[in-house]
Amino acid sequence: MCKRLEEVGCAAVMPLGAPIGSNQGLETRAMLEIIIQQATVPVVVDAGIGVPSHAAQALEMGADAVLVNTAIAVADDPVNMAKAFRLAVEAGLLARQADRAAAVILLMPPAR
């Protein structure tokens, strides 16, 4: 679907992280990774982002931005929650720019 949106001229694509308003995070991680890798327009992860760490993860994955609504709107202190999201987005972007080391699978010798 995102490829089709690009083909018809959309300036950005906005795939869901999880159902709207669910605050479940990046439940569609595998799909998001494919979209981010193949997109030629900005990718804005929308919906499902419930805590600042979800936003940081999206930026670390390569998303260009996130759209956060419910998590801030329903917070007991929306001003501080918005600040926390801003800091998380900055952290995620910095982490991506730092180009983390590749994950390594460590094999343990069999127990005797």
Protein backbone atom coordinates (compact mmCIF):
# COMPACT_ATOMS: atom_id res chain seq x y z
CA MET A 1 0.00 0.00 0.00
CA CYS A 2 2.78 2.45 0.87
CA LYS A 3 4.48 1.82 -2.50
CA ARG A 4 1.19 2.60 -4.25
CA LEU A 5 0.82 5.83 -2.26
CA GLU A 6 4.32 6.85 -3.34
CA GLU A 7 3.46 6.07 -6.97
CA VAL A 8 0.43 8.36 -6.92
CA GLY A 9 2.50 11.22 -5.52
CA CYS A 10 2.08 11.19 -1.75
CA ALA A 11 4.73 13.29 -0.05
CA ALA A 12 4.99 10.88 2.91
CA VAL A 13 3.61 7.56 4.14
CA MET A 14 2.19 7.01 7.62
CA PRO A 15 2.09 3.32 8.56
CA LEU A 16 0.52 2.29 11.86
CA GLY A 17 2.65 1.12 14.75
CA ALA A 18 -0.43 -0.52 16.30
CA PRO A 19 -4.19 0.15 16.29
CA ILE A 20 -5.12 3.82 16.76
CA GLY A 21 -5.40 4.79 20.42
CA SER A 22 -4.13 1.42 21.65
CA ASN A 23 -0.79 2.62 23.09
CA GLN A 24 0.60 -0.86 22.26
CA GLY A 25 3.81 0.35 20.64
CA LEU A 26 5.41 -1.00 17.49
CA GLU A 27 3.33 -4.15 17.06
CA THR A 28 3.91 -3.96 13.30
CA ARG A 29 7.72 -3.81 13.67
CA ALA A 30 8.52 -6.26 10.84
CA MET A 31 6.24 -4.41 8.42
CA LEU A 32 7.61 -1.02 9.52
CA GLU A 33 11.18 -2.18 8.89
CA ILE A 34 10.29 -3.18 5.31
CA ILE A 35 8.46 0.09 4.65
CA ILE A 36 11.31 2.19 6.09
CA GLN A 37 13.87 0.27 4.05
CA GLN A 38 11.97 0.58 0.75
CA ALA A 39 10.32 4.00 1.02
CA THR A 40 11.56 6.87 -1.10
CA VAL A 41 9.43 9.42 0.78
CA PRO A 42 9.48 10.26 4.50
CA VAL A 43 7.99 7.62 6.81
CA VAL A 44 5.94 8.93 9.75
CA VAL A 45 4.99 6.17 12.19
CA ASP A 46 1.45 6.92 13.29
CA ALA A 47 -0.87 5.32 15.84
CA GLY A 48 -0.20 2.99 18.73
CA ILE A 49 2.78 4.86 20.15
CA GLY A 50 2.05 4.79 23.88
CA VAL A 51 5.28 5.70 25.68
CA PRO A 52 8.35 7.72 24.75
CA SER A 53 10.50 4.61 24.28
CA HIS A 54 8.19 3.53 21.42
CA ALA A 55 8.99 6.80 19.65
CA ALA A 56 12.72 6.34 20.23
CA GLN A 57 12.53 2.82 18.77
CA ALA A 58 10.75 4.09 15.65
CA LEU A 59 13.47 6.69 15.03
CA GLU A 60 16.21 4.13 15.72
CA MET A 61 14.62 1.89 13.07
CA GLY A 62 14.89 4.69 10.54
CA ALA A 63 11.50 6.40 10.64
CA ASP A 64 11.66 10.08 9.76
CA ALA A 65 9.11 11.10 12.38
CA VAL A 66 6.34 9.86 14.66
CA LEU A 67 2.85 11.20 15.21
CA VAL A 68 1.75 10.94 18.84
CA ASN A 69 -1.71 11.88 20.06
CA THR A 70 -3.48 9.66 22.60
CA ALA A 71 -0.44 9.01 24.79
CA ILE A 72 -0.01 12.74 25.37
CA ALA A 73 -3.70 13.66 25.41
CA VAL A 74 -4.64 11.17 28.15
CA ALA A 75 -1.51 11.56 30.30
CA ASP A 76 -1.98 12.95 33.80
CA ASP A 77 0.60 15.59 32.91
CA PRO A 78 0.43 16.09 29.13
CA VAL A 79 3.02 18.89 29.11
CA ASN A 80 5.68 16.72 30.71
CA MET A 81 4.66 13.73 28.59
CA ALA A 82 5.13 15.84 25.46
CA LYS A 83 8.57 16.87 26.73
CA ALA A 84 9.42 13.22 27.36
CA PHE A 85 8.41 12.33 23.79
CA ARG A 86 10.54 15.17 22.42
CA LEU A 87 13.57 13.89 24.31
CA ALA A 88 12.88 10.31 23.20
CA VAL A 89 12.69 11.35 19.55
CA GLU A 90 16.00 13.20 19.91
CA ALA A 91 17.56 10.15 21.58
CA GLY A 92 16.29 7.80 18.88
CA LEU A 93 17.63 10.01 16.13
CA LEU A 94 21.02 10.37 17.82
CA ALA A 95 21.21 6.61 18.32
CA ARG A 96 20.47 6.02 14.64
CA GLN A 97 23.07 8.57 13.58
CA ALA A 98 25.64 6.92 15.88
CA ASP A 99 25.18 3.72 13.85
CA ARG A 100 25.02 1.06 16.54
CA ALA A 101 27.12 -2.07 16.40
CA ALA A 102 25.47 -5.04 14.72
CA ALA A 103 23.67 -7.47 17.00
CA VAL A 104 25.57 -10.71 17.50
CA ILE A 105 24.16 -14.13 18.31
CA LEU A 106 26.31 -15.71 20.99
CA LEU A 107 26.35 -19.48 21.10
CA MET A 108 26.90 -21.16 24.43
CA PRO A 109 28.84 -24.43 24.60
CA PRO A 110 26.68 -27.39 25.58
CA ALA A 111 26.43 -28.06 29.32
CA ARG A 112 28.32 -31.14 30.59
